[in-house]
Amino acid sequence: MADIIEFATAATRIARAKRIDLAFEMAVVMQLMQLKRTLDAWRQILRRLDDLAKADGHAVPDEQSRPIRQLIADAERAISDMNDRADAAAPADDPHPRDA
């Protein structure tokens, strides 16, 4: 009976867990990359709005967009912190260090 039913060995479970961890890590990296692209787009929009406001002689453009700029800065700090934690957790002999 034991020959018919295959039971997962510890090595099989460990390999499966590593694949799941890698898939999760890759999903996180992809989301961080998308967030960086979104932040870059917002930064470009704000820069263009600043240029337009200066050209028209309107109020100080930075004041109007301060909350958005603060959110961008907070998000960039969070990304940096996350990357720092990932780099600290990477093995010293990791052939592919995390550059996300």
N, C-alpha and C. Protein backbone atom coordinates (compact mmCIF):
# COMPACT_ATOMS: atom_id res chain seq x y z
N MET A 1 0.82 -1.19 0.00
CA MET A 1 0.00 0.00 0.00
C MET A 1 0.87 1.26 0.00
N ALA A 2 1.95 1.23 0.74
CA ALA A 2 2.83 2.40 0.80
C ALA A 2 3.49 2.66 -0.53
N ASP A 3 3.64 1.63 -1.36
CA ASP A 3 4.25 1.81 -2.67
C ASP A 3 3.30 2.51 -3.64
N ILE A 4 2.01 2.40 -3.42
CA ILE A 4 1.02 2.97 -4.32
C ILE A 4 0.81 4.46 -4.06
N ILE A 5 0.70 4.83 -2.81
CA ILE A 5 0.42 6.22 -2.42
C ILE A 5 1.74 6.93 -2.16
N GLU A 6 1.95 8.01 -2.88
CA GLU A 6 3.17 8.79 -2.67
C GLU A 6 2.91 9.85 -1.60
N PHE A 7 3.75 9.86 -0.62
CA PHE A 7 3.67 10.86 0.43
C PHE A 7 4.78 11.87 0.22
N ALA A 8 4.47 13.11 0.47
CA ALA A 8 5.47 14.16 0.31
C ALA A 8 6.57 13.99 1.35
N THR A 9 7.78 13.97 0.88
CA THR A 9 8.91 13.88 1.79
C THR A 9 9.22 15.28 2.31
N ALA A 10 10.06 15.33 3.31
CA ALA A 10 10.46 16.62 3.86
C ALA A 10 11.15 17.46 2.79
N ALA A 11 11.97 16.82 1.97
CA ALA A 11 12.67 17.56 0.91
C ALA A 11 11.68 18.13 -0.10
N THR A 12 10.64 17.37 -0.41
CA THR A 12 9.62 17.86 -1.35
C THR A 12 8.88 19.05 -0.76
N ARG A 13 8.54 18.96 0.52
CA ARG A 13 7.84 20.08 1.18
C ARG A 13 8.73 21.32 1.25
N ILE A 14 10.01 21.12 1.53
CA ILE A 14 10.93 22.25 1.59
C ILE A 14 11.07 22.90 0.22
N ALA A 15 11.20 22.08 -0.82
CA ALA A 15 11.32 22.61 -2.19
C ALA A 15 10.06 23.38 -2.57
N ARG A 16 8.90 22.86 -2.22
CA ARG A 16 7.64 23.54 -2.52
C ARG A 16 7.57 24.87 -1.77
N ALA A 17 7.97 24.87 -0.51
CA ALA A 17 7.95 26.10 0.28
C ALA A 17 8.89 27.15 -0.32
N LYS A 18 10.05 26.71 -0.80
CA LYS A 18 10.99 27.65 -1.42
C LYS A 18 10.41 28.24 -2.70
N ARG A 19 9.71 27.42 -3.48
CA ARG A 19 9.09 27.94 -4.71
C ARG A 19 8.01 28.95 -4.37
N ILE A 20 7.23 28.67 -3.34
CA ILE A 20 6.18 29.60 -2.93
C ILE A 20 6.80 30.90 -2.44
N ASP A 21 7.87 30.80 -1.64
CA ASP A 21 8.56 32.00 -1.16
C ASP A 21 9.10 32.82 -2.32
N LEU A 22 9.70 32.14 -3.29
CA LEU A 22 10.25 32.84 -4.44
C LEU A 22 9.15 33.53 -5.24
N ALA A 23 8.03 32.84 -5.43
CA ALA A 23 6.91 33.43 -6.17
C ALA A 23 6.38 34.66 -5.44
N PHE A 24 6.26 34.58 -4.13
CA PHE A 24 5.79 35.72 -3.34
C PHE A 24 6.78 36.87 -3.45
N GLU A 25 8.07 36.56 -3.33
CA GLU A 25 9.10 37.59 -3.42
C GLU A 25 9.07 38.28 -4.79
N MET A 26 8.90 37.50 -5.84
CA MET A 26 8.84 38.07 -7.18
C MET A 26 7.60 38.96 -7.34
N ALA A 27 6.49 38.56 -6.75
CA ALA A 27 5.27 39.37 -6.81
C ALA A 27 5.49 40.71 -6.09
N VAL A 28 6.17 40.66 -4.96
CA VAL A 28 6.46 41.89 -4.22
C VAL A 28 7.37 42.80 -5.04
N VAL A 29 8.40 42.22 -5.64
CA VAL A 29 9.32 43.00 -6.47
C VAL A 29 8.58 43.66 -7.63
N MET A 30 7.69 42.91 -8.26
CA MET A 30 6.92 43.47 -9.38
C MET A 30 6.04 44.62 -8.91
N GLN A 31 5.42 44.48 -7.76
CA GLN A 31 4.57 45.55 -7.23
C GLN A 31 5.40 46.78 -6.89
N LEU A 32 6.59 46.58 -6.33
CA LEU A 32 7.46 47.71 -6.02
C LEU A 32 7.91 48.43 -7.29
N MET A 33 8.19 47.67 -8.33
CA MET A 33 8.57 48.28 -9.60
C MET A 33 7.42 49.10 -10.17
N GLN A 34 6.20 48.57 -10.08
CA GLN A 34 5.03 49.31 -10.55
C GLN A 34 4.82 50.58 -9.73
N LEU A 35 5.01 50.48 -8.43
CA LEU A 35 4.88 51.66 -7.57
C LEU A 35 5.92 52.71 -7.93
N LYS A 36 7.15 52.29 -8.19
CA LYS A 36 8.19 53.24 -8.60
C LYS A 36 7.81 53.94 -9.89
N ARG A 37 7.28 53.20 -10.85
CA ARG A 37 6.85 53.82 -12.11
C ARG A 37 5.72 54.81 -11.88
N THR A 38 4.80 54.47 -11.00
CA THR A 38 3.69 55.37 -10.68
C THR A 38 4.21 56.64 -10.01
N LEU A 39 5.15 56.49 -9.08
CA LEU A 39 5.73 57.65 -8.41
C LEU A 39 6.48 58.54 -9.40
N ASP A 40 7.19 57.92 -10.32
CA ASP A 40 7.89 58.70 -11.35
C ASP A 40 6.90 59.48 -12.21
N ALA A 41 5.79 58.85 -12.55
CA ALA A 41 4.76 59.53 -13.36
C ALA A 41 4.19 60.72 -12.60
N TRP A 42 3.91 60.54 -11.31
CA TRP A 42 3.38 61.64 -10.50
C TRP A 42 4.41 62.76 -10.40
N ARG A 43 5.67 62.40 -10.25
CA ARG A 43 6.72 63.41 -10.16
C ARG A 43 6.79 64.22 -11.46
N GLN A 44 6.65 63.55 -12.60
CA GLN A 44 6.65 64.25 -13.88
C GLN A 44 5.44 65.17 -14.02
N ILE A 45 4.29 64.70 -13.57
CA ILE A 45 3.08 65.52 -13.61
C ILE A 45 3.26 66.77 -12.76
N LEU A 46 3.77 66.59 -11.56
CA LEU A 46 3.98 67.74 -10.67
C LEU A 46 4.99 68.72 -11.25
N ARG A 47 6.04 68.19 -11.84
CA ARG A 47 7.05 69.05 -12.45
C ARG A 47 6.43 69.88 -13.58
N ARG A 48 5.60 69.24 -14.38
CA ARG A 48 4.94 69.94 -15.50
C ARG A 48 3.96 71.00 -14.97
N LEU A 49 3.21 70.66 -13.93
CA LEU A 49 2.30 71.64 -13.33
C LEU A 49 3.06 72.82 -12.75
N ASP A 50 4.22 72.55 -12.12
CA ASP A 50 5.05 73.63 -11.60
C ASP A 50 5.51 74.55 -12.73
N ASP A 51 5.94 73.94 -13.84
CA ASP A 51 6.39 74.74 -14.98
C ASP A 51 5.26 75.61 -15.52
N LEU A 52 4.06 75.04 -15.63
CA LEU A 52 2.92 75.81 -16.13
C LEU A 52 2.54 76.93 -15.18
N ALA A 53 2.56 76.67 -13.88
CA ALA A 53 2.21 77.70 -12.90
C ALA A 53 3.23 78.83 -12.91
N LYS A 54 4.48 78.50 -13.03
CA LYS A 54 5.52 79.54 -13.07
C LYS A 54 5.39 80.39 -14.33
N ALA A 55 5.09 79.74 -15.43
CA ALA A 55 4.96 80.47 -16.70
C ALA A 55 3.77 81.43 -16.66
N ASP A 56 2.71 81.04 -15.96
CA ASP A 56 1.52 81.89 -15.87
C ASP A 56 1.63 82.93 -14.76
N GLY A 57 2.65 82.81 -13.92
CA GLY A 57 2.84 83.76 -12.83
C GLY A 57 1.89 83.55 -11.67
N HIS A 58 1.36 82.34 -11.52
CA HIS A 58 0.44 82.04 -10.42
C HIS A 58 1.20 81.80 -9.12
N ALA A 59 0.45 81.38 -8.12
CA ALA A 59 0.99 81.15 -6.78
C ALA A 59 2.14 80.15 -6.81
N VAL A 60 2.81 80.07 -5.69
CA VAL A 60 3.94 79.14 -5.56
C VAL A 60 3.43 77.72 -5.79
N PRO A 61 3.89 77.05 -6.83
CA PRO A 61 3.34 75.74 -7.18
C PRO A 61 3.61 74.66 -6.13
N ASP A 62 4.75 74.74 -5.46
CA ASP A 62 5.08 73.71 -4.48
C ASP A 62 4.07 73.66 -3.33
N GLU A 63 3.55 74.80 -2.94
CA GLU A 63 2.59 74.84 -1.83
C GLU A 63 1.32 74.06 -2.15
N GLN A 64 0.85 74.16 -3.36
CA GLN A 64 -0.40 73.49 -3.73
C GLN A 64 -0.24 71.98 -3.79
N SER A 65 0.94 71.51 -4.11
CA SER A 65 1.14 70.07 -4.28
C SER A 65 1.92 69.44 -3.13
N ARG A 66 2.07 70.16 -2.03
CA ARG A 66 2.85 69.66 -0.90
C ARG A 66 2.34 68.31 -0.38
N PRO A 67 1.03 68.09 -0.22
CA PRO A 67 0.57 66.79 0.28
C PRO A 67 0.94 65.63 -0.65
N ILE A 68 0.84 65.86 -1.94
CA ILE A 68 1.20 64.80 -2.90
C ILE A 68 2.70 64.55 -2.85
N ARG A 69 3.47 65.62 -2.77
CA ARG A 69 4.93 65.46 -2.69
C ARG A 69 5.32 64.72 -1.42
N GLN A 70 4.62 64.97 -0.33
CA GLN A 70 4.90 64.27 0.92
C GLN A 70 4.58 62.78 0.79
N LEU A 71 3.46 62.46 0.15
CA LEU A 71 3.11 61.05 -0.08
C LEU A 71 4.16 60.35 -0.94
N ILE A 72 4.64 61.03 -1.96
CA ILE A 72 5.68 60.45 -2.82
C ILE A 72 6.94 60.19 -2.00
N ALA A 73 7.34 61.15 -1.19
CA ALA A 73 8.54 60.98 -0.37
C ALA A 73 8.37 59.84 0.63
N ASP A 74 7.19 59.74 1.24
CA ASP A 74 6.93 58.65 2.19
C ASP A 74 6.98 57.29 1.49
N ALA A 75 6.41 57.22 0.30
CA ALA A 75 6.42 55.96 -0.45
C ALA A 75 7.84 55.58 -0.84
N GLU A 76 8.64 56.55 -1.24
CA GLU A 76 10.03 56.26 -1.61
C GLU A 76 10.84 55.80 -0.41
N ARG A 77 10.58 56.37 0.76
CA ARG A 77 11.26 55.91 1.99
C ARG A 77 10.86 54.48 2.32
N ALA A 78 9.57 54.18 2.17
CA ALA A 78 9.09 52.82 2.45
C ALA A 78 9.73 51.81 1.50
N ILE A 79 9.84 52.17 0.23
CA ILE A 79 10.48 51.28 -0.74
C ILE A 79 11.95 51.07 -0.36
N SER A 80 12.62 52.13 0.00
CA SER A 80 14.02 52.04 0.38
C SER A 80 14.20 51.16 1.62
N ASP A 81 13.33 51.35 2.61
CA ASP A 81 13.39 50.52 3.82
C ASP A 81 13.18 49.06 3.49
N MET A 82 12.23 48.79 2.62
CA MET A 82 11.94 47.41 2.24
C MET A 82 13.12 46.79 1.51
N ASN A 83 13.74 47.55 0.61
CA ASN A 83 14.91 47.05 -0.10
C ASN A 83 16.07 46.81 0.86
N ASP A 84 16.25 47.70 1.84
CA ASP A 84 17.31 47.51 2.83
C ASP A 84 17.10 46.24 3.63
N ARG A 85 15.85 45.99 4.03
CA ARG A 85 15.55 44.76 4.78
C ARG A 85 15.79 43.52 3.92
N ALA A 86 15.42 43.60 2.64
CA ALA A 86 15.61 42.46 1.74
C ALA A 86 17.10 42.21 1.54
N ASP A 87 17.89 43.28 1.41
CA ASP A 87 19.33 43.11 1.24
C ASP A 87 19.97 42.53 2.50
N ALA A 88 19.49 42.94 3.66
CA ALA A 88 20.03 42.41 4.91
C ALA A 88 19.69 40.94 5.08
N ALA A 89 18.54 40.52 4.54
CA ALA A 89 18.11 39.12 4.67
C ALA A 89 18.73 38.22 3.62
N ALA A 90 19.31 38.80 2.57
CA ALA A 90 19.91 37.99 1.50
C ALA A 90 21.17 37.32 2.01
N PRO A 91 21.39 36.07 1.64
CA PRO A 91 22.62 35.39 2.05
C PRO A 91 23.84 36.09 1.48
N ALA A 92 24.95 36.01 2.21
CA ALA A 92 26.17 36.69 1.78
C ALA A 92 26.69 36.12 0.46
N ASP A 93 26.42 34.85 0.21
CA ASP A 93 26.91 34.23 -1.02
C ASP A 93 25.85 34.19 -2.12
N ASP A 94 24.85 35.05 -2.00
CA ASP A 94 23.76 35.10 -2.98
C ASP A 94 24.32 35.53 -4.34
N PRO A 95 24.22 34.68 -5.37
CA PRO A 95 24.75 35.05 -6.68
C PRO A 95 23.91 36.12 -7.39
N HIS A 96 22.68 36.31 -6.94
CA HIS A 96 21.78 37.30 -7.55
C HIS A 96 21.25 38.23 -6.46
N PRO A 97 22.04 39.20 -6.01
CA PRO A 97 21.54 40.11 -4.97
C PRO A 97 20.34 40.89 -5.47
N ARG A 98 19.50 41.29 -4.55
CA ARG A 98 18.27 42.00 -4.90
C ARG A 98 18.60 43.44 -5.26
N ASP A 99 18.26 43.84 -6.48
CA ASP A 99 18.50 45.21 -6.93
C ASP A 99 17.22 45.95 -7.20
N ALA A 100 16.10 45.52 -6.65
CA ALA A 100 14.80 46.12 -6.96
C ALA A 100 14.62 47.44 -6.30
